[in-house]
N, C-alpha and C. Protein backbone atom coordinates (compact mmCIF):
# COMPACT_ATOMS: atom_id res chain seq x y z
N MET A 1 -12.80 16.91 -17.81
CA MET A 1 -12.61 15.55 -17.46
C MET A 1 -11.40 15.47 -16.21
N ASN A 2 -10.85 16.91 -16.17
CA ASN A 2 -9.61 16.92 -15.23
C ASN A 2 -9.88 16.33 -13.74
N LEU A 3 -8.86 15.71 -13.27
CA LEU A 3 -8.91 15.25 -11.84
C LEU A 3 -8.65 16.70 -10.95
N GLN A 4 -9.44 16.55 -9.92
CA GLN A 4 -9.41 17.65 -9.05
C GLN A 4 -8.71 17.43 -7.78
N ALA A 5 -8.88 16.31 -7.16
CA ALA A 5 -8.14 16.17 -5.96
C ALA A 5 -8.12 14.75 -5.56
N LEU A 6 -7.23 14.25 -4.56
CA LEU A 6 -7.43 13.04 -3.86
C LEU A 6 -8.69 13.04 -3.07
N GLY A 7 -9.57 12.05 -3.38
CA GLY A 7 -10.83 12.13 -2.47
C GLY A 7 -10.89 11.05 -1.23
N TYR A 8 -10.41 9.95 -1.52
CA TYR A 8 -10.43 8.94 -0.40
C TYR A 8 -9.40 7.89 -0.73
N VAL A 9 -9.02 7.10 0.19
CA VAL A 9 -8.00 5.96 0.06
C VAL A 9 -8.53 4.76 0.81
N GLY A 10 -8.24 3.58 0.35
CA GLY A 10 -8.60 2.19 1.05
C GLY A 10 -7.11 1.72 1.47
N ILE A 11 -7.29 0.99 2.55
CA ILE A 11 -6.04 0.51 3.13
C ILE A 11 -6.44 -0.95 3.56
N ARG A 12 -5.50 -2.02 3.33
CA ARG A 12 -5.55 -3.38 3.86
C ARG A 12 -4.86 -3.40 5.21
N THR A 13 -5.27 -4.20 6.04
CA THR A 13 -4.43 -4.60 7.16
C THR A 13 -4.77 -5.73 7.76
N ARG A 14 -3.85 -6.40 8.41
CA ARG A 14 -4.05 -7.78 9.07
C ARG A 14 -4.45 -7.56 10.64
N ARG A 15 -4.48 -6.12 10.96
CA ARG A 15 -4.83 -5.75 12.58
C ARG A 15 -5.76 -4.72 12.42
N LEU A 16 -6.83 -4.98 12.14
CA LEU A 16 -7.84 -3.92 12.06
C LEU A 16 -8.23 -3.40 13.45
N GLU A 17 -8.13 -4.18 14.41
CA GLU A 17 -8.57 -3.72 15.71
C GLU A 17 -7.50 -2.61 16.25
N ASP A 18 -6.33 -2.49 15.72
CA ASP A 18 -5.51 -1.35 16.10
C ASP A 18 -5.74 -0.10 15.48
N TRP A 19 -6.40 -0.06 14.45
CA TRP A 19 -6.72 1.09 13.61
C TRP A 19 -7.67 2.01 14.33
N SER A 20 -8.36 1.60 15.33
CA SER A 20 -9.46 2.48 16.05
C SER A 20 -8.77 3.59 16.70
N ALA A 21 -7.64 3.05 17.67
CA ALA A 21 -6.95 3.92 18.46
C ALA A 21 -5.83 4.71 17.56
N TYR A 22 -5.13 4.22 16.70
CA TYR A 22 -4.21 4.78 15.85
C TYR A 22 -4.85 5.84 14.99
N ALA A 23 -5.85 5.56 14.39
CA ALA A 23 -6.50 6.79 13.50
C ALA A 23 -7.13 7.79 14.46
N THR A 24 -7.75 7.53 15.44
CA THR A 24 -8.33 8.62 16.29
C THR A 24 -7.51 9.33 17.30
N ARG A 25 -6.79 8.57 18.04
CA ARG A 25 -5.84 9.24 19.04
C ARG A 25 -4.64 9.65 18.53
N PHE A 26 -4.03 9.19 17.56
CA PHE A 26 -2.80 9.63 16.96
C PHE A 26 -2.94 10.24 15.83
N LEU A 27 -3.64 10.08 14.75
CA LEU A 27 -3.98 11.04 13.60
C LEU A 27 -4.98 11.88 13.79
N GLY A 28 -5.84 11.81 14.72
CA GLY A 28 -6.99 12.84 14.88
C GLY A 28 -8.21 12.62 14.00
N LEU A 29 -8.32 11.40 13.40
CA LEU A 29 -9.44 11.18 12.55
C LEU A 29 -10.64 10.85 13.44
N GLN A 30 -11.86 10.84 12.95
CA GLN A 30 -13.11 10.55 13.56
C GLN A 30 -13.70 9.08 13.02
N LEU A 31 -13.81 8.28 13.86
CA LEU A 31 -14.27 6.90 13.38
C LEU A 31 -15.90 7.08 13.27
N VAL A 32 -16.22 6.79 12.00
CA VAL A 32 -17.62 6.98 11.69
C VAL A 32 -18.54 5.70 11.38
N ASP A 33 -17.75 4.62 11.06
CA ASP A 33 -18.47 3.22 10.68
C ASP A 33 -17.56 2.36 11.12
N THR A 34 -17.95 1.07 11.62
CA THR A 34 -17.27 -0.01 11.81
C THR A 34 -18.06 -1.34 11.58
N SER A 35 -17.40 -2.31 11.40
CA SER A 35 -18.04 -3.73 11.11
C SER A 35 -16.94 -4.78 11.45
N ARG A 36 -17.20 -6.07 11.40
CA ARG A 36 -16.26 -6.95 11.68
C ARG A 36 -15.05 -6.83 10.81
N THR A 37 -15.21 -6.46 9.69
CA THR A 37 -14.03 -6.44 8.66
C THR A 37 -13.71 -5.02 7.98
N THR A 38 -14.47 -4.00 8.41
CA THR A 38 -13.92 -2.68 7.92
C THR A 38 -14.26 -1.60 9.02
N MET A 39 -13.49 -0.54 8.77
CA MET A 39 -13.60 0.62 9.55
C MET A 39 -13.52 1.95 8.59
N ALA A 40 -14.33 3.02 8.78
CA ALA A 40 -14.21 4.21 8.03
C ALA A 40 -14.11 5.32 8.98
N PHE A 41 -13.34 6.36 8.38
CA PHE A 41 -13.07 7.60 9.22
C PHE A 41 -13.21 8.79 8.38
N ARG A 42 -13.50 9.74 9.21
CA ARG A 42 -13.69 11.20 8.51
C ARG A 42 -12.52 12.00 8.91
N MET A 43 -12.25 13.12 8.17
CA MET A 43 -11.35 14.29 8.52
C MET A 43 -11.91 15.38 8.19
N ASP A 44 -13.20 15.71 7.75
CA ASP A 44 -13.82 16.88 7.42
C ASP A 44 -15.13 16.74 7.23
N ASP A 45 -15.76 17.52 6.38
CA ASP A 45 -17.31 17.43 6.05
C ASP A 45 -17.50 16.25 5.35
N ARG A 46 -16.75 15.42 4.70
CA ARG A 46 -17.09 14.45 3.90
C ARG A 46 -17.53 13.40 4.72
N LYS A 47 -18.39 12.38 4.31
CA LYS A 47 -19.00 11.40 5.20
C LYS A 47 -17.86 10.27 5.51
N GLN A 48 -16.81 10.09 4.69
CA GLN A 48 -15.74 9.39 4.96
C GLN A 48 -14.59 9.78 3.95
N ARG A 49 -13.34 9.59 4.55
CA ARG A 49 -12.06 9.74 3.56
C ARG A 49 -11.21 8.64 3.53
N ILE A 50 -11.13 7.74 4.72
CA ILE A 50 -10.33 6.67 4.74
C ILE A 50 -11.20 5.34 5.01
N VAL A 51 -10.90 4.36 4.29
CA VAL A 51 -11.59 2.82 4.54
C VAL A 51 -10.59 2.00 4.83
N VAL A 52 -10.63 1.21 5.94
CA VAL A 52 -9.65 0.24 6.35
C VAL A 52 -10.27 -1.10 6.37
N GLU A 53 -9.70 -1.92 5.69
CA GLU A 53 -10.32 -3.41 5.45
C GLU A 53 -9.33 -4.43 6.16
N ALA A 54 -10.05 -5.32 6.76
CA ALA A 54 -9.35 -6.69 7.30
C ALA A 54 -8.92 -7.52 6.20
N ASP A 55 -7.58 -7.90 6.18
CA ASP A 55 -7.12 -8.58 5.02
C ASP A 55 -5.83 -9.38 5.44
N GLU A 56 -5.51 -10.30 4.59
CA GLU A 56 -4.37 -11.12 4.93
C GLU A 56 -3.02 -10.41 4.46
N SER A 57 -3.15 -9.23 3.93
CA SER A 57 -2.03 -8.53 3.40
C SER A 57 -2.02 -7.09 3.94
N GLU A 58 -0.93 -6.40 3.85
CA GLU A 58 -0.94 -4.89 4.23
C GLU A 58 -0.61 -4.05 3.23
N GLY A 59 -1.23 -2.95 3.24
CA GLY A 59 -0.94 -1.90 2.20
C GLY A 59 -2.06 -1.35 1.61
N PRO A 60 -1.76 -0.41 0.67
CA PRO A 60 -2.92 0.54 -0.12
C PRO A 60 -3.78 -0.52 -0.76
N SER A 61 -5.10 -0.28 -0.88
CA SER A 61 -6.16 -1.18 -1.49
C SER A 61 -6.77 -0.35 -2.89
N PHE A 62 -6.97 0.96 -2.58
CA PHE A 62 -7.57 1.88 -3.75
C PHE A 62 -7.23 3.27 -3.36
N TYR A 63 -7.41 4.00 -4.49
CA TYR A 63 -7.13 5.50 -4.36
C TYR A 63 -8.27 5.98 -5.04
N GLY A 64 -9.12 6.83 -4.35
CA GLY A 64 -10.28 7.69 -5.18
C GLY A 64 -9.84 9.18 -5.58
N TRP A 65 -9.99 9.27 -6.78
CA TRP A 65 -9.60 10.78 -7.39
C TRP A 65 -10.94 11.20 -7.77
N GLU A 66 -11.18 12.70 -7.51
CA GLU A 66 -12.36 13.34 -7.75
C GLU A 66 -12.43 14.18 -8.96
N VAL A 67 -13.72 14.19 -9.77
CA VAL A 67 -13.90 14.97 -10.80
C VAL A 67 -15.10 15.74 -10.30
N ASP A 68 -15.62 16.91 -11.10
CA ASP A 68 -16.51 17.80 -10.56
C ASP A 68 -18.03 17.45 -11.06
N SER A 69 -18.03 16.51 -11.98
CA SER A 69 -19.60 16.22 -12.40
C SER A 69 -19.63 15.02 -13.06
N ALA A 70 -21.04 14.60 -13.34
CA ALA A 70 -21.02 13.40 -14.03
C ALA A 70 -20.55 13.52 -15.43
N LYS A 71 -20.63 14.58 -16.13
CA LYS A 71 -20.11 14.83 -17.46
C LYS A 71 -18.71 14.56 -17.57
N ALA A 72 -17.87 15.12 -16.38
CA ALA A 72 -16.36 15.01 -16.39
C ALA A 72 -16.13 13.45 -16.25
N LEU A 73 -16.77 12.74 -15.55
CA LEU A 73 -16.65 11.34 -15.27
C LEU A 73 -16.79 10.62 -16.66
N ASP A 74 -17.97 11.05 -17.47
CA ASP A 74 -18.10 10.33 -18.71
C ASP A 74 -16.98 10.79 -19.65
N ASP A 75 -16.43 11.98 -19.60
CA ASP A 75 -15.44 12.37 -20.52
C ASP A 75 -14.19 11.72 -19.99
N LEU A 76 -13.87 11.38 -18.92
CA LEU A 76 -12.67 10.75 -18.49
C LEU A 76 -12.85 9.40 -19.06
N GLY A 77 -13.98 8.54 -18.96
CA GLY A 77 -14.14 7.30 -19.40
C GLY A 77 -13.97 7.21 -20.93
N ALA A 78 -14.33 8.11 -21.53
CA ALA A 78 -14.20 8.18 -23.09
C ALA A 78 -12.70 8.54 -23.47
N HIS A 79 -12.06 9.20 -22.71
CA HIS A 79 -10.66 9.50 -22.90
C HIS A 79 -9.86 8.14 -22.57
N LEU A 80 -10.10 7.58 -21.47
CA LEU A 80 -9.41 6.28 -21.09
C LEU A 80 -9.77 5.30 -22.31
N GLU A 81 -10.87 5.13 -22.72
CA GLU A 81 -11.21 4.11 -23.81
C GLU A 81 -10.36 4.60 -25.11
N ARG A 82 -10.13 5.79 -25.43
CA ARG A 82 -9.29 6.29 -26.71
C ARG A 82 -8.03 5.97 -26.35
N SER A 83 -7.55 5.92 -25.10
CA SER A 83 -6.08 5.77 -24.81
C SER A 83 -5.76 4.24 -24.59
N GLY A 84 -6.82 3.31 -24.81
CA GLY A 84 -6.64 2.01 -24.74
C GLY A 84 -6.57 1.48 -23.22
N VAL A 85 -7.11 2.24 -22.24
CA VAL A 85 -7.12 1.83 -20.83
C VAL A 85 -8.43 1.24 -20.57
N LYS A 86 -8.29 -0.08 -19.86
CA LYS A 86 -9.76 -0.76 -19.68
C LYS A 86 -10.23 -0.16 -18.25
N PHE A 87 -11.52 -0.02 -18.07
CA PHE A 87 -12.14 0.49 -17.19
C PHE A 87 -13.62 -0.17 -16.98
N ALA A 88 -14.18 0.08 -15.74
CA ALA A 88 -15.51 -0.35 -15.48
C ALA A 88 -16.28 0.59 -14.58
N ARG A 89 -17.50 0.55 -15.01
CA ARG A 89 -18.44 1.37 -14.24
C ARG A 89 -18.72 0.87 -12.81
N GLY A 90 -18.51 1.48 -11.83
CA GLY A 90 -18.88 0.93 -10.57
C GLY A 90 -20.34 0.76 -10.22
N SER A 91 -20.62 -0.34 -9.60
CA SER A 91 -22.18 -0.52 -9.26
C SER A 91 -22.61 0.40 -8.48
N ARG A 92 -23.95 0.41 -8.23
CA ARG A 92 -24.57 1.36 -7.33
C ARG A 92 -24.21 0.78 -5.95
N ALA A 93 -24.07 -0.35 -5.59
CA ALA A 93 -23.62 -0.81 -4.29
C ALA A 93 -22.21 -0.26 -4.06
N LEU A 94 -21.37 -0.50 -4.90
CA LEU A 94 -20.12 0.18 -4.61
C LEU A 94 -20.05 1.66 -4.49
N ALA A 95 -20.81 2.31 -5.15
CA ALA A 95 -20.85 3.73 -5.06
C ALA A 95 -21.51 4.17 -3.60
N ASP A 96 -22.39 3.47 -3.15
CA ASP A 96 -22.99 3.59 -1.85
C ASP A 96 -21.96 3.36 -0.69
N GLU A 97 -21.15 2.35 -1.17
CA GLU A 97 -20.10 1.88 -0.16
C GLU A 97 -19.03 3.03 0.01
N ARG A 98 -18.67 3.66 -1.15
CA ARG A 98 -17.75 4.85 -1.09
C ARG A 98 -18.39 6.06 -0.69
N ARG A 99 -19.62 6.17 -0.63
CA ARG A 99 -20.35 7.36 -0.41
C ARG A 99 -20.22 8.43 -1.49
N VAL A 100 -20.40 8.02 -2.49
CA VAL A 100 -20.27 9.03 -3.75
C VAL A 100 -21.47 8.70 -4.77
N ARG A 101 -21.60 9.50 -5.64
CA ARG A 101 -22.93 9.32 -6.60
C ARG A 101 -22.56 8.47 -7.69
N ASP A 102 -21.25 8.26 -8.15
CA ASP A 102 -20.96 7.51 -9.48
C ASP A 102 -19.39 7.40 -9.34
N LEU A 103 -19.05 6.44 -9.97
CA LEU A 103 -17.48 6.06 -10.27
C LEU A 103 -17.06 5.30 -11.19
N ILE A 104 -16.02 5.34 -11.61
CA ILE A 104 -15.35 4.32 -12.63
C ILE A 104 -14.13 3.66 -11.91
N VAL A 105 -13.73 2.36 -12.37
CA VAL A 105 -12.49 1.76 -11.74
C VAL A 105 -11.71 1.18 -12.92
N PHE A 106 -10.36 1.45 -12.71
CA PHE A 106 -9.36 1.11 -13.53
C PHE A 106 -7.95 0.84 -12.69
N ALA A 107 -6.86 0.31 -13.53
CA ALA A 107 -5.59 0.15 -12.85
C ALA A 107 -4.68 0.75 -13.50
N ASP A 108 -3.58 1.41 -12.75
CA ASP A 108 -2.53 1.88 -13.51
C ASP A 108 -1.61 0.85 -13.98
N PRO A 109 -0.41 1.17 -14.82
CA PRO A 109 0.35 -0.04 -15.44
C PRO A 109 0.99 -0.87 -14.48
N ILE A 110 1.11 -0.61 -13.05
CA ILE A 110 1.87 -1.45 -12.22
C ILE A 110 0.80 -2.15 -11.30
N GLY A 111 -0.50 -1.95 -11.56
CA GLY A 111 -1.51 -2.68 -10.74
C GLY A 111 -2.08 -1.82 -9.63
N ASN A 112 -1.90 -0.63 -9.39
CA ASN A 112 -2.60 0.15 -8.38
C ASN A 112 -4.08 0.24 -8.86
N ARG A 113 -5.02 -0.01 -7.96
CA ARG A 113 -6.34 0.25 -8.16
C ARG A 113 -6.78 1.61 -8.05
N LEU A 114 -7.30 2.25 -9.28
CA LEU A 114 -7.79 3.67 -9.02
C LEU A 114 -9.25 3.64 -9.33
N GLU A 115 -9.92 4.67 -8.53
CA GLU A 115 -11.34 5.01 -8.75
C GLU A 115 -11.46 6.59 -8.93
N VAL A 116 -12.19 6.74 -9.78
CA VAL A 116 -12.45 8.28 -10.18
C VAL A 116 -14.01 8.36 -10.06
N PHE A 117 -14.45 9.49 -9.25
CA PHE A 117 -15.79 9.54 -8.79
C PHE A 117 -16.09 11.00 -8.79
N HIS A 118 -17.60 11.27 -8.76
CA HIS A 118 -18.08 12.64 -8.49
C HIS A 118 -19.17 12.37 -7.54
N GLY A 119 -19.57 13.58 -6.93
CA GLY A 119 -20.70 13.58 -5.98
C GLY A 119 -20.52 13.02 -4.60
N ALA A 120 -19.31 13.25 -3.93
CA ALA A 120 -19.10 12.75 -2.57
C ALA A 120 -20.11 13.18 -1.60
N GLU A 121 -20.64 12.39 -0.68
CA GLU A 121 -21.57 12.85 0.37
C GLU A 121 -21.12 13.72 1.31
N ILE A 122 -21.89 14.71 1.62
CA ILE A 122 -21.42 15.67 2.67
C ILE A 122 -22.20 15.30 3.88
N ALA A 123 -21.49 15.13 5.07
CA ALA A 123 -22.25 14.96 6.19
C ALA A 123 -22.95 16.10 6.93
N THR A 124 -23.90 16.02 7.68
CA THR A 124 -24.88 16.92 8.16
C THR A 124 -24.28 17.56 9.65
N ASP A 125 -23.71 16.54 10.16
CA ASP A 125 -22.92 17.01 11.44
C ASP A 125 -21.45 17.35 11.33
N PRO A 126 -21.00 18.14 12.31
CA PRO A 126 -19.66 18.68 12.15
C PRO A 126 -18.68 17.52 12.49
N PHE A 127 -17.46 17.72 11.84
CA PHE A 127 -16.30 16.87 12.23
C PHE A 127 -15.93 16.83 13.65
N LYS A 128 -15.79 15.75 14.07
CA LYS A 128 -15.31 15.82 15.54
C LYS A 128 -13.94 14.89 15.66
N PRO A 129 -12.83 15.58 15.68
CA PRO A 129 -11.51 14.95 15.85
C PRO A 129 -11.48 14.13 16.88
N GLY A 130 -10.70 12.96 16.80
CA GLY A 130 -10.39 11.94 17.77
C GLY A 130 -9.36 12.49 18.92
N ARG A 131 -8.72 13.61 18.55
CA ARG A 131 -7.90 14.13 19.65
C ARG A 131 -8.07 15.74 19.51
N ALA A 132 -7.51 16.55 20.23
CA ALA A 132 -7.49 17.96 20.34
C ALA A 132 -6.60 18.66 19.25
N ILE A 133 -7.19 18.72 18.11
CA ILE A 133 -6.50 19.38 16.88
C ILE A 133 -7.53 20.32 16.37
N SER A 134 -7.07 21.35 15.49
CA SER A 134 -7.76 22.28 14.97
C SER A 134 -8.50 21.70 13.71
N GLY A 135 -8.09 20.66 12.93
CA GLY A 135 -8.60 20.06 11.77
C GLY A 135 -7.52 19.95 10.82
N PHE A 136 -7.91 19.57 9.37
CA PHE A 136 -7.06 19.27 8.38
C PHE A 136 -7.46 20.32 7.30
N ARG A 137 -6.47 20.54 6.58
CA ARG A 137 -6.47 21.41 5.44
C ARG A 137 -7.01 20.48 4.25
N THR A 138 -8.18 20.81 4.08
CA THR A 138 -8.83 19.75 2.84
C THR A 138 -9.64 20.68 1.78
N GLY A 139 -10.76 20.64 1.77
CA GLY A 139 -11.48 21.51 1.04
C GLY A 139 -11.24 21.14 -0.56
N ALA A 140 -11.09 22.05 -1.36
CA ALA A 140 -10.93 21.77 -2.78
C ALA A 140 -9.54 21.44 -3.14
N LEU A 141 -8.67 21.25 -2.08
CA LEU A 141 -7.22 20.73 -2.30
C LEU A 141 -7.39 19.36 -2.06
N GLY A 142 -8.44 18.69 -1.51
CA GLY A 142 -8.65 17.22 -1.43
C GLY A 142 -7.91 16.91 0.11
N MET A 143 -7.82 15.55 0.22
CA MET A 143 -7.48 15.05 1.61
C MET A 143 -5.88 14.98 1.81
N GLY A 144 -5.15 15.49 0.82
CA GLY A 144 -3.66 15.29 0.91
C GLY A 144 -2.88 14.86 -0.23
N HIS A 145 -2.22 13.79 -0.02
CA HIS A 145 -1.33 13.32 -1.09
C HIS A 145 -1.29 11.76 -0.82
N ALA A 146 -0.94 11.12 -1.99
CA ALA A 146 -0.83 9.67 -2.11
C ALA A 146 0.74 9.50 -2.40
N VAL A 147 1.44 8.64 -1.63
CA VAL A 147 2.77 8.32 -2.00
C VAL A 147 2.82 6.96 -2.30
N LEU A 148 3.34 6.69 -3.77
CA LEU A 148 3.33 5.38 -4.35
C LEU A 148 4.80 4.94 -4.61
N THR A 149 4.96 3.73 -4.63
CA THR A 149 6.45 3.20 -5.13
C THR A 149 6.17 2.29 -6.55
N ALA A 150 7.39 2.17 -7.05
CA ALA A 150 7.49 1.51 -8.23
C ALA A 150 8.93 1.08 -8.47
N GLU A 151 9.09 -0.07 -9.20
CA GLU A 151 10.38 -0.62 -9.37
C GLU A 151 11.07 0.18 -10.51
N ARG A 152 10.38 0.51 -11.66
CA ARG A 152 10.78 1.41 -12.52
C ARG A 152 9.84 2.69 -12.75
N LEU A 153 10.40 3.81 -12.69
CA LEU A 153 9.23 4.93 -12.80
C LEU A 153 8.88 5.20 -14.22
N ASP A 154 9.83 4.75 -15.17
CA ASP A 154 9.43 5.04 -16.46
C ASP A 154 8.35 3.87 -17.03
N GLU A 155 7.90 3.20 -16.25
CA GLU A 155 6.76 2.30 -16.58
C GLU A 155 5.34 2.82 -16.25
N VAL A 156 5.38 3.65 -15.31
CA VAL A 156 4.24 4.17 -14.73
C VAL A 156 4.04 5.71 -14.84
N LEU A 157 5.02 6.61 -14.76
CA LEU A 157 5.00 7.98 -14.85
C LEU A 157 4.22 8.65 -16.22
N PRO A 158 4.52 8.07 -17.37
CA PRO A 158 3.80 8.55 -18.47
C PRO A 158 2.14 8.38 -18.48
N PHE A 159 1.79 7.21 -17.69
CA PHE A 159 0.53 7.15 -17.58
C PHE A 159 -0.37 8.18 -16.84
N TYR A 160 0.26 8.42 -15.67
CA TYR A 160 -0.24 9.72 -14.85
C TYR A 160 -0.04 11.01 -15.40
N GLN A 161 0.89 11.25 -16.18
CA GLN A 161 1.12 12.48 -16.81
C GLN A 161 0.39 12.67 -18.02
N ASN A 162 0.59 11.64 -19.06
CA ASN A 162 0.02 11.85 -20.35
C ASN A 162 -1.46 11.39 -20.50
N ILE A 163 -1.90 10.61 -19.61
CA ILE A 163 -3.16 10.18 -19.66
C ILE A 163 -4.18 10.61 -18.64
N LEU A 164 -3.74 10.83 -17.31
CA LEU A 164 -4.39 11.43 -16.36
C LEU A 164 -4.22 12.89 -15.88
N GLY A 165 -3.11 13.47 -16.64
CA GLY A 165 -3.09 14.85 -16.57
C GLY A 165 -2.35 15.36 -15.32
N PHE A 166 -1.47 14.63 -14.50
CA PHE A 166 -0.93 15.02 -13.47
C PHE A 166 0.28 16.05 -14.03
N LYS A 167 0.64 17.20 -13.25
CA LYS A 167 1.82 17.99 -13.62
C LYS A 167 2.80 17.91 -12.75
N ALA A 168 4.11 18.00 -13.23
CA ALA A 168 5.37 17.78 -12.29
C ALA A 168 5.42 19.05 -11.44
N SER A 169 5.58 18.73 -10.23
CA SER A 169 5.88 19.89 -9.28
C SER A 169 7.29 19.92 -8.81
N ASP A 170 7.91 18.74 -8.49
CA ASP A 170 9.38 18.77 -7.94
C ASP A 170 9.94 17.39 -8.02
N TYR A 171 11.11 17.40 -7.89
CA TYR A 171 11.67 15.90 -7.57
C TYR A 171 13.02 16.04 -6.78
N ILE A 172 13.46 14.96 -6.35
CA ILE A 172 14.66 14.80 -5.54
C ILE A 172 15.37 13.39 -6.18
N LEU A 173 16.71 13.51 -6.18
CA LEU A 173 17.46 12.38 -6.63
C LEU A 173 18.21 11.71 -5.35
N LYS A 174 18.43 12.34 -4.24
CA LYS A 174 19.12 11.70 -3.32
C LYS A 174 18.29 11.85 -1.90
N PRO A 175 18.37 10.84 -0.97
CA PRO A 175 19.01 9.65 -1.03
C PRO A 175 18.25 8.69 -1.76
N PHE A 176 17.26 8.81 -2.60
CA PHE A 176 16.56 8.06 -3.55
C PHE A 176 15.68 9.04 -4.39
N ALA A 177 15.37 8.46 -5.58
CA ALA A 177 14.59 9.28 -6.43
C ALA A 177 13.17 9.48 -6.20
N ALA A 178 12.63 10.60 -6.15
CA ALA A 178 11.29 10.83 -5.92
C ALA A 178 10.59 11.90 -6.75
N TYR A 179 9.46 11.75 -7.35
CA TYR A 179 8.94 12.73 -7.99
C TYR A 179 7.39 13.01 -7.60
N PHE A 180 7.32 14.32 -7.69
CA PHE A 180 6.00 14.94 -7.05
C PHE A 180 5.02 15.62 -8.07
N PHE A 181 3.82 15.41 -8.13
CA PHE A 181 2.86 15.78 -9.21
C PHE A 181 1.61 16.49 -8.51
N HIS A 182 1.21 17.51 -9.26
CA HIS A 182 -0.20 18.24 -8.77
C HIS A 182 -1.24 18.22 -9.65
N ILE A 183 -2.47 18.26 -9.21
CA ILE A 183 -3.52 18.61 -10.06
C ILE A 183 -4.34 19.70 -9.50
N ASN A 184 -3.98 20.43 -8.55
CA ASN A 184 -4.51 21.64 -7.93
C ASN A 184 -3.50 22.43 -7.35
N PRO A 185 -3.95 23.55 -6.61
CA PRO A 185 -2.68 24.43 -6.07
C PRO A 185 -1.97 23.74 -4.96
N ARG A 186 -2.36 22.50 -4.41
CA ARG A 186 -1.55 21.80 -3.46
C ARG A 186 -0.20 21.43 -4.10
N HIS A 187 0.91 21.64 -3.50
CA HIS A 187 2.23 21.39 -3.95
C HIS A 187 2.25 19.95 -4.70
N HIS A 188 1.81 19.14 -4.17
CA HIS A 188 1.41 17.53 -4.74
C HIS A 188 0.49 16.85 -4.08
N SER A 189 -0.33 16.11 -5.05
CA SER A 189 -1.36 15.38 -4.56
C SER A 189 -0.85 13.89 -4.75
N LEU A 190 0.11 13.70 -5.45
CA LEU A 190 0.78 12.38 -5.85
C LEU A 190 2.23 12.42 -5.77
N ALA A 191 2.97 11.45 -5.29
CA ALA A 191 4.31 11.21 -5.33
C ALA A 191 4.70 9.79 -5.71
N PHE A 192 5.75 9.67 -6.53
CA PHE A 192 6.26 8.31 -6.76
C PHE A 192 7.80 8.19 -6.33
N ILE A 193 8.11 7.08 -5.51
CA ILE A 193 9.41 6.91 -5.20
C ILE A 193 9.87 5.76 -5.90
N ASP A 194 11.12 5.74 -6.40
CA ASP A 194 11.84 4.79 -7.20
C ASP A 194 12.38 3.89 -6.37
N THR A 195 11.84 2.68 -5.96
CA THR A 195 12.56 1.70 -4.99
C THR A 195 13.31 0.75 -5.62
N GLY A 196 13.18 0.59 -7.01
CA GLY A 196 13.95 -0.60 -7.53
C GLY A 196 13.72 -1.93 -7.29
N LYS A 197 12.56 -2.14 -6.51
CA LYS A 197 12.00 -3.41 -6.17
C LYS A 197 10.70 -3.48 -6.79
N LYS A 198 10.37 -4.86 -7.19
CA LYS A 198 9.16 -5.19 -7.60
C LYS A 198 7.96 -5.08 -6.73
N ARG A 199 6.97 -4.62 -7.07
CA ARG A 199 5.67 -4.34 -6.17
C ARG A 199 4.99 -5.65 -6.29
N HIS A 200 4.45 -6.13 -4.99
CA HIS A 200 3.71 -7.40 -4.95
C HIS A 200 2.11 -7.02 -4.90
N PRO A 201 1.48 -7.06 -6.11
CA PRO A 201 0.04 -6.55 -6.01
C PRO A 201 -0.68 -7.57 -5.13
N SER A 202 -1.95 -7.04 -4.59
CA SER A 202 -2.93 -7.95 -3.87
C SER A 202 -3.49 -8.75 -4.84
N PRO A 203 -4.12 -9.81 -4.31
CA PRO A 203 -4.71 -10.94 -5.20
C PRO A 203 -5.82 -10.54 -6.22
N ASP A 204 -6.46 -9.39 -5.95
CA ASP A 204 -7.41 -9.03 -7.09
C ASP A 204 -6.86 -7.94 -8.02
N ASP A 205 -5.64 -7.57 -7.93
CA ASP A 205 -5.11 -6.41 -8.78
C ASP A 205 -5.04 -6.95 -10.12
N GLY A 206 -5.52 -6.02 -11.01
CA GLY A 206 -5.41 -6.22 -12.43
C GLY A 206 -6.72 -6.74 -13.10
N ASP A 207 -7.57 -7.31 -12.29
CA ASP A 207 -8.95 -7.51 -12.89
C ASP A 207 -10.14 -6.72 -12.46
N LEU A 208 -9.69 -5.60 -12.08
CA LEU A 208 -10.66 -4.49 -11.76
C LEU A 208 -11.83 -4.78 -10.74
N LEU A 209 -11.63 -5.79 -10.13
CA LEU A 209 -12.76 -6.10 -9.15
C LEU A 209 -12.37 -5.86 -7.73
N PRO A 210 -13.19 -5.18 -7.01
CA PRO A 210 -12.91 -4.86 -5.52
C PRO A 210 -12.77 -6.25 -4.77
N ARG A 211 -12.00 -6.02 -3.85
CA ARG A 211 -11.60 -7.23 -3.01
C ARG A 211 -13.06 -7.85 -2.44
N ARG A 212 -13.31 -9.15 -2.59
CA ARG A 212 -14.44 -9.90 -2.13
C ARG A 212 -15.61 -9.37 -2.79
N ARG A 213 -15.47 -8.90 -3.98
CA ARG A 213 -16.73 -8.47 -4.74
C ARG A 213 -16.60 -8.82 -6.14
N ARG A 214 -17.85 -9.29 -6.75
CA ARG A 214 -17.73 -9.89 -8.21
C ARG A 214 -18.44 -9.02 -9.15
N PRO A 215 -18.42 -9.59 -10.46
CA PRO A 215 -18.91 -8.75 -11.43
C PRO A 215 -20.13 -7.79 -11.25
N GLY A 216 -19.93 -6.58 -11.83
CA GLY A 216 -20.85 -5.39 -11.53
C GLY A 216 -20.17 -4.51 -10.70
N LEU A 217 -19.06 -4.78 -9.99
CA LEU A 217 -18.16 -3.68 -9.23
C LEU A 217 -19.13 -3.25 -8.17
């Protein structure tokens, strides 16, 4: 049931139109899908890695963590249930939207939406960066790392370490406290920064429902 890597992320923004140039010309991503309310980007052979949604707020929307099989996903669901963590199975429509075979959805103790999936879709055409770069180091290491904030780290770190199996890599205490965690050979796939400030969740946080989506996930 072990998590393997950070597979994809979702971002909310008030200025969706700005992301086309920023993600391609600055970050070097490839724009692969766009609509009036969303944009999706590639950074390697996966069909998408980053999904940006138009919204009234700004910030992360969801984090997708990968496991290697349907059995691993079922085992994680059973583990979450034994640990008293509520989760829901993602619908076929949501799996298609995320470009994966199957997924489950739950929240961490401070309201971050987490999605665990298996069977990410692989593109048949090569990745075409938005600017002249050699590419990104992904593969088995995943797409990189997620950096989250918390008012009190002791409210959330035990969840990631004891329930999801993240292992400590490193930490710093100045100029602020930050803790780094790994689930594969990458130095860290997750970092938490102690901000001392209360996080303001998005309107749908806590009910396990995707934004603008209703029961069935």
